[in-house]
Amino acid sequence: MKYAREIKVGLLATVCLFLLFFGFNFLKGVNIFSPTNSYHGTYYHLHGLEEQAAVYIRGHKVGQVDEIHYDYTRDSAFTIDISIRKDIDLPQGTQMALISDGLLGGMAIELQFPDNGQSSIAQSSIEKGSFLPTTYVPGLMESLQGELIAKVSGVVEDVDSLVLDIQGQLAGNHIKSSLANVDRVSNDLTYVSTDLKRLMNNQVPRIVNNADTAVANLNIVVADIKKADIKSTVGRVDKAVDNVNGLITDVRSQEGTLGQLIYNKSLYNHIDATVISADSLLTDLKAHPKRYVHFSVFGKKDK
């Protein structure tokens, strides 16, 4: 056995190289004994995706990212190659989503099936080695960061506006005027408070005493009213009313002098004629007074 030792050394070296290759791929997450299918996708931004990153389908790891290529001449410069288990067929419409893998910021690929209500078995499969449509799904931290930045930006803008308003107020001496007005109002309130104290100390007790006096006088009047013979007074008033009603009844019955005077037209005519005659007599007396004088001052008879 001239070459037995060399053969043993060669076999040992081959086994070591195989174990090294298997261990290296095992550390990368590649199972060299499991056949795989390759697919590709292009991205404008990888957001930190690295080779050997996991490939998931509904949260289950089915493969990994093999290689990442970069071409400066294209807009979507990054081309990634993934490999998944050979027993998995991807239905038409499957897209390659770049997602966040954990809270530490790692990235992974998730194969998202189309949500059309049909089973993936009933659909035609995508050919191996094809390019899949790609998309990017922001992670939780990135979403919170975006919302936080938007809110902080709004707060900063509000603070900036407030600072500008304060600067405008200071430049226009509005704050000094406002403070002067506040000081003036405070002085007015002090004067009003002094007058109010004076009123409470002087006028209010006097008003209360007058009110007490008025109440006492009112009590006296009420007591006098209680003592008065209201019933007899009301009786006398009723009797007087009855007398007046009797008098009015007599007048309306055209009996008596007053009734005759009111309702007898001939008596009215006689009185009217008498008044007219008296008026004529007075007029003639004024016009011819000598007719009614029989003797002069010296005792001579007038014609």
Protein backbone atom coordinates (compact mmCIF):
# COMPACT_ATOMS: atom_id res chain seq x y z
CA MET A 1 0.00 0.00 0.00
CA LYS A 2 2.39 2.60 -1.31
CA TYR A 3 -0.24 5.37 -1.67
CA ALA A 4 -2.47 4.48 1.31
CA ARG A 5 -1.17 7.34 3.42
CA GLU A 6 -1.62 9.93 0.68
CA ILE A 7 -5.14 8.69 0.03
CA LYS A 8 -6.04 9.04 3.67
CA VAL A 9 -4.62 12.55 3.77
CA GLY A 10 -6.58 13.50 0.63
CA LEU A 11 -9.81 12.05 1.96
CA LEU A 12 -9.32 13.87 5.26
CA ALA A 13 -8.68 17.14 3.45
CA THR A 14 -11.78 16.63 1.29
CA VAL A 15 -13.91 15.93 4.36
CA CYS A 16 -12.52 19.04 6.12
CA LEU A 17 -13.24 21.21 3.08
CA PHE A 18 -16.78 19.82 2.88
CA LEU A 19 -17.33 20.39 6.58
CA LEU A 20 -15.94 23.92 6.24
CA PHE A 21 -18.23 24.66 3.28
CA PHE A 22 -21.23 23.11 5.04
CA GLY A 23 -20.50 24.93 8.30
CA PHE A 24 -20.05 28.25 6.52
CA ASN A 25 -23.37 27.89 4.69
CA PHE A 26 -25.03 26.60 7.83
CA LEU A 27 -23.90 29.73 9.67
CA LYS A 28 -25.38 31.78 6.80
CA GLY A 29 -28.64 29.86 7.10
CA VAL A 30 -28.23 27.92 3.85
CA ASN A 31 -29.10 24.27 3.80
CA ILE A 32 -27.04 22.83 0.96
CA PHE A 33 -29.01 19.58 1.07
CA SER A 34 -32.32 21.34 0.36
CA PRO A 35 -32.88 22.34 -3.29
CA THR A 36 -34.06 25.89 -3.89
CA ASN A 37 -35.59 28.13 -6.53
CA SER A 38 -34.27 31.59 -7.26
CA TYR A 39 -36.22 34.83 -7.89
CA HIS A 40 -35.16 38.41 -8.40
CA GLY A 41 -36.37 41.91 -7.60
CA THR A 42 -35.23 45.52 -8.07
CA TYR A 43 -35.29 48.38 -5.55
CA TYR A 44 -34.45 52.06 -5.56
CA HIS A 45 -33.52 52.00 -1.82
CA LEU A 46 -32.73 48.93 0.30
CA HIS A 47 -33.11 50.62 3.74
CA GLY A 48 -30.25 48.53 5.15
CA LEU A 49 -31.08 45.13 3.59
CA GLU A 50 -28.05 42.82 3.60
CA GLU A 51 -27.14 39.48 2.08
CA GLN A 52 -28.26 36.35 3.99
CA ALA A 53 -31.33 38.27 5.21
CA ALA A 54 -34.37 36.07 5.77
CA VAL A 55 -37.21 35.57 3.29
CA TYR A 56 -40.65 35.02 4.86
CA ILE A 57 -44.06 33.89 3.73
CA ARG A 58 -46.70 34.92 6.29
CA GLY A 59 -44.07 35.06 9.02
CA HIS A 60 -42.47 31.68 8.20
CA LYS A 61 -38.87 31.62 6.95
CA VAL A 62 -38.65 29.90 3.57
CA GLY A 63 -35.36 31.20 2.20
CA GLN A 64 -32.77 33.95 2.23
CA VAL A 65 -31.23 36.76 0.21
CA ASP A 66 -28.34 35.35 -1.75
CA GLU A 67 -26.79 38.35 -3.48
CA ILE A 68 -27.28 42.09 -3.93
CA HIS A 69 -26.16 43.70 -7.19
CA TYR A 70 -25.79 47.43 -7.84
CA ASP A 71 -25.96 49.15 -11.25
CA TYR A 72 -25.37 52.89 -11.34
CA THR A 73 -26.85 53.29 -14.79
CA ARG A 74 -30.41 52.46 -13.71
CA ASP A 75 -32.92 54.25 -11.50
CA SER A 76 -33.79 51.10 -9.55
CA ALA A 77 -30.13 50.34 -9.12
CA PHE A 78 -30.35 47.47 -6.63
CA THR A 79 -31.10 43.95 -7.85
CA ILE A 80 -31.48 41.30 -5.19
CA ASP A 81 -31.43 37.53 -5.69
CA ILE A 82 -33.42 35.37 -3.29
CA SER A 83 -33.72 31.64 -2.96
CA ILE A 84 -36.65 29.76 -1.44
CA ARG A 85 -37.48 26.13 -0.94
CA LYS A 86 -38.12 24.27 -4.16
CA ASP A 87 -41.41 22.80 -2.92
CA ILE A 88 -43.00 26.28 -2.75
CA ASP A 89 -44.73 27.54 -5.88
CA LEU A 90 -45.44 31.26 -6.01
CA PRO A 91 -48.84 32.15 -7.56
CA GLN A 92 -49.24 34.89 -10.12
CA GLY A 93 -49.45 38.32 -8.48
CA THR A 94 -46.97 37.53 -5.71
CA GLN A 95 -44.88 40.57 -4.82
CA MET A 96 -41.61 40.97 -2.96
CA ALA A 97 -42.03 43.30 0.06
CA LEU A 98 -39.13 44.87 1.92
CA ILE A 99 -40.08 44.83 5.62
CA SER A 100 -38.53 45.58 8.99
CA ASP A 101 -37.24 42.45 10.74
CA GLY A 102 -37.43 43.17 14.49
CA LEU A 103 -36.91 46.29 16.60
CA LEU A 104 -33.15 46.50 16.00
CA GLY A 105 -33.58 47.85 12.49
CA GLY A 106 -32.80 44.73 10.45
CA MET A 107 -34.55 44.26 7.12
CA ALA A 108 -36.02 41.16 5.49
CA ILE A 109 -38.04 40.11 2.45
CA GLU A 110 -41.65 38.92 2.68
CA LEU A 111 -43.39 37.26 -0.24
CA GLN A 112 -46.98 38.53 -0.26
CA PHE A 113 -49.58 36.48 -2.10
CA PRO A 114 -52.46 38.20 -3.95
CA ASP A 115 -55.64 38.51 -1.89
CA ASN A 116 -58.19 37.46 -4.53
CA GLY A 117 -60.05 34.71 -2.63
CA GLN A 118 -58.52 31.89 -4.69
CA SER A 119 -56.18 29.17 -3.51
CA SER A 120 -52.57 29.44 -4.61
CA ILE A 121 -52.75 25.86 -5.90
CA ALA A 122 -55.52 26.70 -8.33
CA GLN A 123 -53.52 29.59 -9.82
CA SER A 124 -50.69 29.35 -12.32
CA SER A 125 -47.23 29.55 -10.74
CA ILE A 126 -44.51 32.07 -11.47
CA GLU A 127 -41.61 30.63 -13.40
CA LYS A 128 -38.38 30.09 -11.52
CA GLY A 129 -35.82 32.86 -11.97
CA SER A 130 -38.46 35.50 -12.76
CA PHE A 131 -38.45 39.10 -11.55
CA LEU A 132 -41.15 39.81 -8.95
CA PRO A 133 -42.86 43.19 -8.42
CA THR A 134 -41.43 44.91 -5.35
CA THR A 135 -42.78 47.20 -2.62
CA TYR A 136 -41.64 48.71 0.64
CA VAL A 137 -43.55 48.45 3.96
CA PRO A 138 -42.41 50.97 6.61
CA GLY A 139 -41.69 49.47 9.99
CA LEU A 140 -43.23 50.44 13.32
CA MET A 141 -40.31 52.60 14.41
CA GLU A 142 -40.18 54.37 11.05
CA SER A 143 -43.93 55.08 11.15
CA LEU A 144 -43.69 56.40 14.70
CA GLN A 145 -40.67 58.44 13.71
CA GLY A 146 -42.55 59.97 10.78
CA GLU A 147 -45.57 60.83 12.93
CA LEU A 148 -43.32 62.19 15.69
CA ILE A 149 -41.39 64.33 13.22
CA ALA A 150 -44.66 65.70 11.79
CA LYS A 151 -45.97 66.56 15.27
CA VAL A 152 -42.63 68.09 16.33
CA SER A 153 -42.59 70.13 13.11
CA GLY A 154 -46.10 71.41 13.89
CA VAL A 155 -45.07 72.29 17.46
CA VAL A 156 -41.95 74.06 16.20
CA GLU A 157 -44.03 76.08 13.74
CA ASP A 158 -46.46 77.04 16.52
CA VAL A 159 -43.59 78.06 18.80
CA ASP A 160 -42.03 80.03 15.96
CA SER A 161 -45.33 81.85 15.35
CA LEU A 162 -45.65 82.55 19.07
CA VAL A 163 -42.12 83.95 19.24
CA LEU A 164 -42.81 86.15 16.21
CA ASP A 165 -46.02 87.44 17.82
CA ILE A 166 -44.18 88.20 21.06
CA GLN A 167 -41.46 90.01 19.14
CA GLY A 168 -44.10 92.03 17.30
CA GLN A 169 -45.79 92.91 20.59
CA LEU A 170 -42.48 93.99 22.10
CA ALA A 171 -41.54 96.02 19.01
CA GLY A 172 -44.91 97.83 18.97
CA ASN A 173 -44.88 98.64 22.71
CA HIS A 174 -48.19 96.81 23.04
CA ILE A 175 -47.07 95.03 26.19
CA LYS A 176 -46.12 98.32 27.85
CA SER A 177 -49.51 99.76 26.94
CA SER A 178 -51.24 96.64 28.24
CA LEU A 179 -49.31 96.82 31.51
CA ALA A 180 -50.20 100.52 31.84
CA ASN A 181 -53.87 99.68 31.27
CA VAL A 182 -53.68 96.91 33.85
CA ASP A 183 -52.09 99.33 36.33
CA ARG A 184 -54.83 101.88 35.63
CA VAL A 185 -57.54 99.30 36.09
CA SER A 186 -55.92 98.19 39.36
CA ASN A 187 -55.94 101.78 40.64
CA ASP A 188 -59.58 102.18 39.66
CA LEU A 189 -60.42 98.98 41.49
CA THR A 190 -58.61 100.31 44.55
CA TYR A 191 -60.70 103.52 44.49
CA VAL A 192 -63.90 101.55 43.97
CA SER A 193 -62.99 99.28 46.85
CA THR A 194 -62.41 102.31 49.09
CA ASP A 195 -65.76 103.86 48.13
CA LEU A 196 -67.47 100.56 48.67
CA LYS A 197 -65.99 100.23 52.15
CA ARG A 198 -67.08 103.78 52.96
CA LEU A 199 -70.57 103.03 51.70
CA MET A 200 -70.76 99.84 53.75
CA ASN A 201 -69.58 101.62 56.86
CA ASN A 202 -71.74 104.79 56.59
CA GLN A 203 -74.66 104.55 54.22
CA VAL A 204 -75.71 100.95 54.64
CA PRO A 205 -76.29 101.17 58.42
CA ARG A 206 -78.35 104.34 57.87
CA ILE A 207 -80.40 102.67 55.18
CA VAL A 208 -80.96 99.69 57.44
CA ASN A 209 -82.10 101.99 60.29
CA ASN A 210 -84.51 103.80 57.97
CA ALA A 211 -85.84 100.49 56.76
CA ASP A 212 -86.38 99.40 60.36
CA THR A 213 -88.23 102.67 61.08
CA ALA A 214 -90.41 102.26 57.99
CA VAL A 215 -91.24 98.71 59.00
CA ALA A 216 -92.16 99.88 62.51
CA ASN A 217 -94.44 102.62 61.11
CA LEU A 218 -96.01 100.12 58.76
CA ASN A 219 -96.69 97.86 61.69
CA ILE A 220 -98.40 100.75 63.51
CA VAL A 221 -100.55 101.50 60.46
CA VAL A 222 -101.49 97.85 60.16
CA ALA A 223 -102.38 97.79 63.87
CA ASP A 224 -104.56 100.91 63.46
CA ILE A 225 -106.29 99.35 60.49
CA LYS A 226 -106.98 96.26 62.54
CA LYS A 227 -108.47 98.42 65.32
CA ALA A 228 -110.67 100.46 62.96
CA ASP A 229 -114.34 99.49 62.55
CA ILE A 230 -114.09 98.59 58.90
CA LYS A 231 -117.47 96.91 58.91
CA SER A 232 -119.41 99.97 60.11
CA THR A 233 -117.52 102.22 57.68
CA VAL A 234 -118.39 99.92 54.79
CA GLY A 235 -122.04 99.96 55.99
CA ARG A 236 -122.16 103.76 55.94
CA VAL A 237 -120.61 103.82 52.51
CA ASP A 238 -123.21 101.35 51.28
CA LYS A 239 -125.99 103.54 52.75
CA ALA A 240 -124.58 106.64 51.03
CA VAL A 241 -124.43 104.76 47.76
CA ASP A 242 -128.03 103.68 48.21
CA ASN A 243 -129.08 107.34 48.82
CA VAL A 244 -127.28 108.46 45.68
CA ASN A 245 -128.95 105.68 43.71
CA GLY A 246 -132.38 106.81 45.10
CA LEU A 247 -131.66 110.39 44.11
CA ILE A 248 -130.70 109.32 40.60
CA THR A 249 -133.87 107.23 40.42
CA ASP A 250 -136.03 110.25 41.40
CA VAL A 251 -134.36 112.41 38.78
CA ARG A 252 -134.95 109.78 36.11
CA SER A 253 -138.61 109.44 37.15
CA GLN A 254 -139.08 113.19 36.30
CA GLU A 255 -140.53 113.82 39.72
CA GLY A 256 -139.42 116.71 41.85
CA THR A 257 -137.84 120.03 40.90
CA LEU A 258 -134.54 118.59 39.65
CA GLY A 259 -136.31 116.00 37.47
CA GLN A 260 -138.68 118.64 36.06
CA LEU A 261 -135.72 120.94 35.40
CA ILE A 262 -133.85 118.23 33.49
CA TYR A 263 -136.66 116.52 31.58
CA ASN A 264 -139.35 119.34 31.24
CA LYS A 265 -138.63 121.22 28.00
CA SER A 266 -141.18 124.00 28.58
CA LEU A 267 -139.47 124.95 31.86
CA TYR A 268 -136.18 125.09 30.00
CA ASN A 269 -137.79 127.29 27.33
CA HIS A 270 -139.25 129.67 29.99
CA ILE A 271 -135.88 129.98 31.71
CA ASP A 272 -134.20 130.55 28.36
CA ALA A 273 -136.76 133.23 27.41
CA THR A 274 -136.29 134.89 30.81
CA VAL A 275 -132.56 134.96 30.36
CA ILE A 276 -132.96 136.46 26.87
CA SER A 277 -135.35 139.17 28.22
CA ALA A 278 -132.97 139.98 31.05
CA ASP A 279 -130.13 140.25 28.59
CA SER A 280 -132.17 142.61 26.35
CA LEU A 281 -133.10 144.72 29.41
CA LEU A 282 -129.48 145.04 30.47
CA THR A 283 -128.47 145.96 26.92
CA ASP A 284 -131.17 148.68 26.72
CA LEU A 285 -130.22 149.92 30.18
CA LYS A 286 -126.68 150.40 29.07
CA ALA A 287 -127.76 152.15 25.89
CA HIS A 288 -130.44 154.45 27.42
CA PRO A 289 -129.86 154.82 31.15
CA LYS A 290 -131.82 158.10 31.36
CA ARG A 291 -135.02 156.31 30.49
CA TYR A 292 -134.92 154.59 33.80
CA VAL A 293 -134.03 157.65 35.95
CA HIS A 294 -137.10 159.69 37.15
CA PHE A 295 -135.32 162.37 39.16
CA SER A 296 -132.11 164.25 38.66
CA VAL A 297 -129.61 165.10 41.25
CA PHE A 298 -131.37 168.45 42.02
CA GLY A 299 -134.82 166.91 42.36
CA LYS A 300 -136.12 167.84 38.96
CA LYS A 301 -138.17 165.40 37.04
CA ASP A 302 -136.67 164.19 33.83
CA LYS A 303 -138.59 164.10 30.66
